[in-house]
Amino acid sequence: DQATLTRGPHGMNEGSRDEPIRAPEQSTEEAQREIIEEFGYFDDWMQRYQYIIDLGRKLSEFPNEWRCAACQLQGCQSQVWLKGETHGNRLRFHAMSDSAIVSGLISLLLRVYNDRTPEEILRTQPGFVAEIGLDKHLSPTRNNGLAAMIKAIQSHALQAMTRAAEGDVGQKHDGG
């Protein structure tokens, strides 16, 4: 079961599940630069928070069957579910939260990490977080949750690399 990538607004993934995932048009560095530029348009943090919330509202639907213990992240103040899928040599993530701000943070992370190879994911540090001052404007528990989301994405990438090294390549794998 393969999927195709079509870029929607703000890099959201849309498309059918019958074609392979293509590489994103932007590199991870370009995606982060774009986020930094977007946040530069706002005068204060109230506007930035509102933008983050708006991004979260645009997340793709997250099926109820994925709201399970296997997909639920630990270490987040809010409830967060993350589903990772391996399609060939690329990873696609689906995620959601019961918190508007956290949903927006998910949206930002997906713009950087979705539809990348495991190697790209593992070598990409989320520098945009510090660049836009997000690390200083989130509560400690939200920062912990953000770190848990990044760690989960990296863990999926590491698992995909391990499967590839063991010769289990080209097949679709689902993971919570």
Protein backbone atom coordinates (compact mmCIF):
# COMPACT_ATOMS: atom_id res chain seq x y z
CA ASP A 1 0.00 0.00 0.00
CA GLN A 2 1.86 3.07 -1.24
CA ALA A 3 0.99 6.75 -1.10
CA THR A 4 1.65 9.78 -3.23
CA LEU A 5 2.61 13.17 -1.91
CA THR A 6 0.79 16.26 -2.99
CA ARG A 7 1.67 19.45 -1.23
CA GLY A 8 -1.28 21.31 0.17
CA PRO A 9 -1.22 24.60 2.05
CA HIS A 10 1.67 24.90 4.49
CA GLY A 11 3.17 21.61 3.32
CA MET A 12 0.32 19.41 4.50
CA ASN A 13 0.12 16.06 2.80
CA GLU A 14 -2.79 15.21 0.61
CA GLY A 15 -3.23 12.62 -2.08
CA SER A 16 -4.08 9.05 -2.92
CA ARG A 17 -2.49 5.97 -1.42
CA ASP A 18 -1.77 4.16 -4.68
CA GLU A 19 1.44 5.82 -5.87
CA PRO A 20 4.87 6.02 -4.20
CA ILE A 21 5.76 8.97 -2.02
CA ARG A 22 7.89 11.50 -3.82
CA ALA A 23 10.56 13.60 -2.17
CA PRO A 24 9.33 16.94 -0.85
CA GLU A 25 10.09 19.91 -3.07
CA GLN A 26 12.02 21.61 -0.27
CA SER A 27 15.02 20.32 1.64
CA THR A 28 14.72 20.14 5.41
CA GLU A 29 16.88 23.28 5.62
CA GLU A 30 14.61 25.15 3.19
CA ALA A 31 11.51 24.05 5.11
CA GLN A 32 13.01 25.34 8.35
CA ARG A 33 14.08 28.60 6.70
CA GLU A 34 10.54 29.10 5.43
CA ILE A 35 9.13 28.59 8.93
CA ILE A 36 11.61 31.11 10.35
CA GLU A 37 10.64 33.64 7.68
CA GLU A 38 6.93 33.13 8.34
CA PHE A 39 7.37 33.75 12.06
CA GLY A 40 9.35 36.89 11.26
CA TYR A 41 6.19 38.49 9.86
CA PHE A 42 4.56 38.62 13.29
CA ASP A 43 5.13 41.48 15.71
CA ASP A 44 4.46 39.65 18.97
CA TRP A 45 4.00 36.23 20.49
CA MET A 46 0.22 36.47 20.68
CA GLN A 47 0.17 36.61 16.86
CA ARG A 48 2.66 33.76 16.65
CA TYR A 49 0.59 31.59 19.01
CA GLN A 50 -2.50 32.28 16.92
CA TYR A 51 -0.60 31.28 13.78
CA ILE A 52 0.52 28.04 15.46
CA ILE A 53 -3.10 27.29 16.43
CA ASP A 54 -4.24 28.02 12.87
CA LEU A 55 -1.63 25.60 11.49
CA GLY A 56 -2.89 22.91 13.86
CA ARG A 57 -6.44 23.30 12.55
CA LYS A 58 -5.19 22.33 9.09
CA LEU A 59 -3.79 18.94 10.09
CA SER A 60 -5.09 15.98 8.11
CA GLU A 61 -7.78 13.79 9.60
CA PHE A 62 -6.49 11.27 12.12
CA PRO A 63 -8.54 8.06 12.12
CA ASN A 64 -9.99 6.91 15.43
CA GLU A 65 -8.31 3.50 15.13
CA TRP A 66 -4.94 5.25 15.40
CA ARG A 67 -5.91 6.78 18.74
CA CYS A 68 -4.52 3.81 20.58
CA ALA A 69 -1.86 3.12 23.19
CA ALA A 70 0.67 2.07 20.52
CA CYS A 71 0.44 5.50 18.86
CA GLN A 72 0.12 7.62 22.00
CA LEU A 73 3.25 9.53 23.01
CA GLN A 74 4.44 9.67 26.58
CA GLY A 75 6.03 12.81 28.00
CA CYS A 76 3.48 15.25 26.62
CA GLN A 77 1.22 17.40 28.77
CA SER A 78 -1.59 16.94 26.26
CA GLN A 79 -2.70 13.76 24.58
CA VAL A 80 -0.66 13.25 21.42
CA TRP A 81 -0.86 10.41 18.94
CA LEU A 82 1.77 9.82 16.26
CA LYS A 83 1.52 7.22 13.51
CA GLY A 84 4.55 6.58 11.35
CA GLU A 85 4.48 4.70 8.07
CA THR A 86 7.39 3.55 5.93
CA HIS A 87 6.78 3.64 2.20
CA GLY A 88 9.84 2.40 0.36
CA ASN A 89 12.69 4.57 1.65
CA ARG A 90 10.50 7.41 2.97
CA LEU A 91 8.62 7.97 6.19
CA ARG A 92 5.22 9.57 6.43
CA PHE A 93 3.84 10.72 9.75
CA HIS A 94 0.30 11.39 10.84
CA ALA A 95 -0.32 13.00 14.20
CA MET A 96 -2.88 14.81 16.28
CA SER A 97 -3.39 16.25 19.73
CA ASP A 98 -6.29 17.32 21.89
CA SER A 99 -4.49 20.67 22.32
CA ALA A 100 -4.69 23.42 19.70
CA ILE A 101 -1.14 24.67 20.37
CA VAL A 102 0.33 21.16 20.29
CA SER A 103 -1.51 20.43 17.03
CA GLY A 104 0.23 23.49 15.58
CA LEU A 105 3.61 22.27 16.83
CA ILE A 106 2.89 18.93 15.15
CA SER A 107 2.13 20.78 11.92
CA LEU A 108 5.50 22.54 12.07
CA LEU A 109 7.36 19.28 12.70
CA LEU A 110 5.58 17.52 9.85
CA ARG A 111 6.61 20.31 7.47
CA VAL A 112 10.23 19.57 8.27
CA TYR A 113 10.23 15.78 8.71
CA ASN A 114 7.37 14.29 6.67
CA ASP A 115 8.12 12.22 3.57
CA ARG A 116 11.87 12.20 4.23
CA THR A 117 14.31 9.35 4.24
CA PRO A 118 15.41 8.05 7.64
CA GLU A 119 18.88 9.49 7.02
CA GLU A 120 17.45 12.96 6.34
CA ILE A 121 15.37 12.80 9.51
CA LEU A 122 18.25 11.69 11.71
CA ARG A 123 20.66 14.33 10.48
CA THR A 124 18.11 17.18 10.72
CA GLN A 125 18.05 19.02 14.00
CA PRO A 126 14.98 21.22 14.53
CA GLY A 127 16.96 24.47 14.55
CA PHE A 128 13.87 26.49 13.72
CA VAL A 129 12.58 25.93 17.27
CA ALA A 130 15.34 28.08 18.79
CA GLU A 131 15.54 30.44 15.79
CA ILE A 132 11.93 31.55 16.21
CA GLY A 133 12.21 31.60 20.00
CA LEU A 134 9.71 28.81 20.48
CA ASP A 135 11.91 27.10 23.07
CA LYS A 136 11.75 30.24 25.24
CA HIS A 137 8.02 30.87 24.81
CA LEU A 138 6.66 27.40 25.55
CA SER A 139 6.05 26.18 29.07
CA PRO A 140 8.53 23.58 30.35
CA THR A 141 5.91 20.84 29.95
CA ARG A 142 5.19 21.90 26.33
CA ASN A 143 8.94 21.93 25.62
CA ASN A 144 9.15 18.40 27.04
CA GLY A 145 6.27 17.36 24.80
CA LEU A 146 7.94 18.91 21.75
CA ALA A 147 11.13 17.01 22.58
CA ALA A 148 9.10 13.79 22.95
CA MET A 149 7.55 14.32 19.50
CA ILE A 150 10.96 14.90 17.91
CA LYS A 151 12.36 11.84 19.69
CA ALA A 152 9.45 9.70 18.43
CA ILE A 153 10.00 10.86 14.84
CA GLN A 154 13.72 10.08 15.13
CA SER A 155 12.92 6.69 16.68
CA HIS A 156 10.72 5.80 13.69
CA ALA A 157 13.59 6.81 11.38
CA LEU A 158 16.06 4.66 13.30
CA GLN A 159 13.71 1.67 13.19
CA ALA A 160 13.28 2.14 9.42
CA MET A 161 17.06 2.22 8.95
CA THR A 162 17.42 -0.96 11.00
CA ARG A 163 14.77 -2.72 8.91
CA ALA A 164 16.53 -1.56 5.72
CA ALA A 165 19.89 -2.83 6.98
CA GLU A 166 18.26 -6.20 7.69
CA GLY A 167 17.07 -6.34 4.09
CA ASP A 168 13.41 -5.57 4.82
CA VAL A 169 13.23 -2.77 2.23
CA GLY A 170 10.52 -1.57 -0.10
CA GLN A 171 7.66 -2.84 2.01
CA LYS A 172 5.17 -0.64 3.78
CA HIS A 173 5.40 -0.72 7.55
CA ASP A 174 3.04 0.91 9.97
CA GLY A 175 4.08 1.89 13.42
CA GLY A 176 2.62 3.75 16.33
